[in-house]
Protein backbone atom coordinates (compact mmCIF):
# COMPACT_ATOMS: atom_id res chain seq x y z
CA MET A 1 0.00 0.00 0.00
CA LEU A 2 2.59 2.51 -1.16
CA LEU A 3 -0.01 5.20 -1.81
CA GLN A 4 -2.38 4.70 1.10
CA ASP A 5 -4.82 7.64 1.33
CA ARG A 6 -3.00 9.66 -1.34
CA VAL A 7 -5.18 11.87 -3.56
CA CYS A 8 -4.11 11.57 -7.19
CA LEU A 9 -5.10 12.95 -10.59
CA ILE A 10 -4.21 10.99 -13.72
CA THR A 11 -4.94 12.45 -17.16
CA GLY A 12 -5.71 10.23 -20.13
CA ALA A 13 -6.75 7.39 -17.83
CA ASN A 14 -9.30 5.65 -20.04
CA ARG A 15 -6.87 3.31 -21.80
CA GLY A 16 -3.31 2.03 -22.10
CA ILE A 17 -0.71 3.37 -19.70
CA GLY A 18 -3.08 5.84 -18.06
CA GLN A 19 -5.61 3.15 -17.25
CA ALA A 20 -2.94 0.77 -15.94
CA THR A 21 -1.49 3.53 -13.78
CA ALA A 22 -4.89 4.41 -12.34
CA GLN A 23 -5.49 0.75 -11.45
CA ARG A 24 -2.02 0.36 -9.90
CA PHE A 25 -2.52 3.49 -7.81
CA VAL A 26 -5.86 2.19 -6.51
CA ASP A 27 -4.25 -1.16 -5.74
CA GLU A 28 -1.65 0.75 -3.71
CA GLY A 29 -4.37 2.48 -1.67
CA ALA A 30 -4.83 5.79 -3.49
CA LEU A 31 -7.96 7.75 -4.28
CA VAL A 32 -7.74 8.46 -8.01
CA TYR A 33 -9.42 11.19 -9.98
CA ALA A 34 -9.26 9.70 -13.46
CA ASN A 35 -9.51 11.99 -16.47
CA ALA A 36 -10.67 11.25 -19.99
CA ARG A 37 -12.09 13.40 -22.75
CA ARG A 38 -14.88 11.11 -23.95
CA ALA A 39 -17.85 10.74 -21.58
CA GLY A 40 -18.42 7.16 -20.47
CA SER A 41 -14.96 5.93 -21.44
CA LEU A 42 -14.04 5.40 -17.78
CA ASP A 43 -17.13 3.31 -16.96
CA ALA A 44 -15.30 -0.04 -17.03
CA LEU A 45 -12.56 1.25 -14.73
CA VAL A 46 -15.09 2.68 -12.29
CA GLU A 47 -17.11 -0.54 -12.34
CA LYS A 48 -14.01 -2.59 -11.63
CA ASN A 49 -13.30 -0.47 -8.55
CA LYS A 50 -16.72 -0.34 -6.92
CA GLU A 51 -15.32 0.83 -3.59
CA GLY A 52 -15.30 4.34 -5.02
CA GLN A 53 -11.54 4.75 -5.32
CA ILE A 54 -11.92 5.92 -8.92
CA ILE A 55 -13.66 9.24 -9.50
CA PRO A 56 -14.16 10.02 -13.20
CA LEU A 57 -13.52 13.51 -14.54
CA TYR A 58 -14.45 14.16 -18.15
CA PHE A 59 -12.75 17.16 -19.72
CA ASP A 60 -10.32 18.17 -22.45
CA VAL A 61 -6.88 18.86 -20.98
CA THR A 62 -6.28 21.56 -23.60
CA ASN A 63 -9.25 23.59 -22.31
CA THR A 64 -7.83 25.83 -19.60
CA GLN A 65 -11.19 26.51 -17.96
CA THR A 66 -12.26 22.87 -17.62
CA LEU A 67 -8.74 21.90 -16.53
CA LYS A 68 -8.76 24.54 -13.81
CA ALA A 69 -12.24 23.49 -12.73
CA ALA A 70 -11.01 19.92 -12.20
CA PHE A 71 -8.28 21.07 -9.83
CA LEU A 72 -10.68 23.34 -7.98
CA ARG A 73 -13.07 20.42 -7.54
CA ILE A 74 -10.33 18.19 -6.13
CA ARG A 75 -9.22 20.89 -3.71
CA LYS A 76 -12.83 21.49 -2.59
CA GLU A 77 -13.64 17.79 -2.14
CA GLN A 78 -10.35 16.54 -0.69
CA GLY A 79 -8.51 19.62 0.53
CA ARG A 80 -5.28 18.38 -1.02
CA LEU A 81 -3.61 16.83 -4.05
CA ASP A 82 -0.69 14.49 -3.52
CA VAL A 83 0.09 13.26 -7.04
CA LEU A 84 -0.41 14.50 -10.58
CA VAL A 85 0.33 12.17 -13.50
CA ASN A 86 0.48 14.14 -16.76
CA ASN A 87 -0.16 11.16 -19.04
CA ALA A 88 -2.51 12.55 -21.71
CA GLY A 89 -0.70 12.92 -25.02
CA ILE A 90 -0.78 12.54 -28.78
CA MET A 91 1.64 11.13 -31.35
CA LYS A 92 1.47 12.34 -34.94
CA ASP A 93 4.33 11.91 -37.39
CA ALA A 94 5.49 13.73 -40.52
CA LEU A 95 8.71 13.86 -42.49
CA ILE A 96 10.68 17.07 -42.90
CA GLY A 97 9.05 19.07 -45.68
CA MET A 98 5.63 17.64 -44.85
CA ILE A 99 5.24 19.19 -41.39
CA SER A 100 2.38 21.67 -41.22
CA SER A 101 2.01 24.43 -38.67
CA GLU A 102 -1.35 22.93 -37.72
CA LEU A 103 0.33 19.63 -36.84
CA VAL A 104 2.95 21.37 -34.70
CA ARG A 105 0.31 23.37 -32.83
CA GLU A 106 -1.86 20.30 -32.19
CA VAL A 107 0.97 18.16 -30.85
CA PHE A 108 2.46 20.91 -28.67
CA ARG A 109 -0.96 22.01 -27.40
CA ILE A 110 -1.57 18.56 -25.92
CA ASN A 111 1.90 17.27 -25.11
CA VAL A 112 3.49 20.47 -23.81
CA PHE A 113 1.07 23.30 -23.12
CA ALA A 114 -1.53 21.16 -21.35
CA THR A 115 1.22 19.47 -19.33
CA LEU A 116 2.55 22.85 -18.21
CA GLU A 117 -0.87 24.18 -17.31
CA ALA A 118 -1.79 21.10 -15.29
CA LEU A 119 1.57 21.27 -13.53
CA GLN A 120 0.95 24.89 -12.56
CA PHE A 121 -2.51 24.19 -11.19
CA ALA A 122 -1.19 21.20 -9.23
CA ALA A 123 1.71 23.22 -7.83
CA GLY A 124 -0.74 25.84 -6.60
CA ILE A 125 -2.38 23.22 -4.38
CA MET A 126 0.81 21.38 -3.42
CA ARG A 127 2.59 24.55 -2.29
CA ARG A 128 0.03 25.00 0.48
CA GLN A 129 0.70 21.51 1.83
CA LYS A 130 4.45 21.71 1.08
CA SER A 131 4.46 18.28 -0.52
CA GLY A 132 3.53 16.51 -3.72
CA SER A 133 4.76 14.47 -6.66
CA ILE A 134 4.28 15.45 -10.29
CA ILE A 135 5.01 12.84 -12.96
CA ASN A 136 5.26 14.00 -16.56
CA PHE A 137 5.31 11.77 -19.61
CA SER A 138 8.15 12.09 -22.07
CA SER A 139 9.29 9.29 -24.42
CA ILE A 140 12.38 7.47 -25.60
CA VAL A 141 11.83 9.47 -28.80
CA GLY A 142 12.20 12.70 -26.83
CA VAL A 143 15.57 11.45 -25.52
CA GLU A 144 17.00 9.75 -28.61
CA GLY A 145 15.11 11.26 -31.56
CA SER A 146 13.58 9.22 -34.38
CA VAL A 147 13.27 9.50 -38.15
CA GLY A 148 9.94 11.01 -39.18
CA GLN A 149 9.04 12.02 -35.64
CA SER A 150 10.63 15.45 -35.37
CA VAL A 151 7.51 17.15 -34.03
CA TYR A 152 6.66 14.43 -31.52
CA ALA A 153 10.32 14.23 -30.43
CA ALA A 154 10.48 18.00 -29.99
CA SER A 155 7.35 17.99 -27.85
CA LYS A 156 8.65 15.21 -25.62
CA GLY A 157 12.06 16.89 -25.43
CA ALA A 158 10.26 20.00 -24.23
CA VAL A 159 8.66 17.92 -21.47
CA ILE A 160 12.13 16.87 -20.36
CA ALA A 161 13.33 20.48 -20.16
CA LEU A 162 10.13 21.47 -18.38
CA THR A 163 10.55 18.67 -15.86
CA ARG A 164 14.14 19.53 -15.01
CA SER A 165 13.46 23.25 -14.66
CA THR A 166 10.29 22.96 -12.58
CA ALA A 167 11.93 20.36 -10.33
CA LYS A 168 14.57 22.95 -9.38
CA GLU A 169 11.97 25.66 -8.84
CA LEU A 170 9.57 23.59 -6.77
CA ALA A 171 12.05 21.59 -4.66
CA PRO A 172 12.13 24.23 -1.88
CA GLN A 173 8.36 23.77 -1.49
CA GLY A 174 8.73 20.01 -1.05
CA ILE A 175 7.28 19.25 -4.48
CA ARG A 176 9.02 16.63 -6.60
CA VAL A 177 8.83 16.69 -10.41
CA ASN A 178 10.02 13.74 -12.48
CA ALA A 179 9.35 12.31 -15.92
CA VAL A 180 9.15 8.83 -17.35
CA ALA A 181 10.36 8.09 -20.88
CA PRO A 182 8.70 4.88 -22.08
CA GLY A 183 10.08 2.98 -25.03
CA PHE A 184 8.04 0.55 -27.12
CA ILE A 185 4.98 -0.12 -24.99
CA ASP A 186 2.21 -2.45 -26.17
CA THR A 187 -0.59 0.10 -26.43
CA ALA A 188 -3.03 1.26 -29.10
CA LEU A 189 -0.95 4.45 -29.45
CA PHE A 190 2.17 2.45 -30.28
CA HIS A 191 0.34 0.21 -32.72
CA SER A 192 -0.94 3.30 -34.53
CA ILE A 193 2.46 3.53 -36.26
CA GLY A 194 1.49 0.44 -38.31
CA GLU A 195 1.99 -3.27 -37.67
CA MET A 196 4.91 -3.63 -40.07
CA ARG A 197 6.83 -0.92 -38.24
CA VAL A 198 5.80 -2.35 -34.87
CA ALA A 199 7.31 -5.70 -35.86
CA SER A 200 10.46 -4.00 -37.10
CA VAL A 201 11.19 -1.83 -34.07
CA SER A 202 10.24 -4.60 -31.64
CA LYS A 203 13.34 -6.49 -32.80
CA ASP A 204 15.47 -3.68 -31.40
CA VAL A 205 14.44 -4.20 -27.78
CA GLY A 206 17.29 -5.73 -25.79
CA MET A 207 14.95 -7.55 -23.42
CA GLY A 208 13.22 -9.22 -26.37
CA ARG A 209 9.68 -8.02 -25.76
CA LEU A 210 7.47 -4.96 -25.86
CA GLY A 211 6.86 -3.23 -22.59
CA THR A 212 3.44 -3.40 -20.97
CA PRO A 213 1.37 -0.56 -19.54
CA GLU A 214 1.87 -2.23 -16.16
CA ASP A 215 5.65 -1.88 -16.54
CA VAL A 216 5.21 1.87 -16.74
CA ALA A 217 2.57 1.99 -14.03
CA GLY A 218 4.96 0.36 -11.56
CA VAL A 219 7.57 3.08 -12.08
CA CYS A 220 4.89 5.76 -11.70
CA ALA A 221 3.79 4.19 -8.41
CA PHE A 222 7.40 4.33 -7.20
CA LEU A 223 7.78 8.00 -8.17
CA ALA A 224 4.48 8.86 -6.49
CA SER A 225 5.44 7.16 -3.24
CA ASP A 226 7.70 8.01 -0.32
CA LEU A 227 10.22 5.51 -1.70
CA ALA A 228 11.14 8.27 -4.16
CA GLY A 229 11.09 10.98 -1.52
CA TYR A 230 14.56 12.26 -2.49
CA VAL A 231 14.13 11.83 -6.25
CA THR A 232 13.35 14.88 -8.34
CA GLY A 233 14.31 16.29 -11.74
CA GLN A 234 14.93 12.81 -13.15
CA ILE A 235 13.98 11.35 -16.53
CA ILE A 236 13.52 7.62 -16.04
CA GLY A 237 13.68 5.45 -19.13
CA ILE A 238 11.32 2.45 -19.26
CA ASP A 239 12.47 0.86 -22.49
CA GLY A 240 13.91 -2.63 -21.93
CA SER A 241 17.18 -1.47 -23.51
CA ALA A 242 15.55 -0.44 -26.78
CA ARG A 243 17.56 1.03 -29.65
CA LEU A 244 16.24 3.65 -32.06
């Protein structure tokens, strides 16, 4: 029960890594406010956890007003926020020469701007309690780069810079900020690159298998817990020794 009685918010919790992280946090004793954009998409997760440890919040993370309202609701209902997991994200690829300004704005709006806004709202609550853990989502692509993924890589690289800078700024208030950088994880998002490419890149994983959402969720649980009480400003790869 690493997260007993912790109040957590996880964005993009209706599938894949976000869903696995929400379930792991509940299993570790947390109360989880789970976010998704599409109404009803969290029903299965809520039904699985009938004790009420999952509270669904439906809103678009790129909408500042609804995002702010979610944090205000959590503060009103619980009086605190112990963990924010900035998981919601998008991956869209384009080769140099084919990158449109609309694509850049869309990817950065979700992957970077929404992450920063959520972080600021969370920090506003966590400063009052002088504690908290914020976990941002980068990617192995943001660390290593990848052909045809310049925009996605740039957005996830920005998350790394954001994480390191905010960790320094918020450390005096007892707030830890870290990021995870997953590699090839067996999710619908990863499979969206096409099954031929999935098969190709999967051969470049040193451990011989794709990662699972649960692999990532376990690291998030560690970063959210007191076991990581002296860990901040770190970018933790979860990639099974993958090569790009």
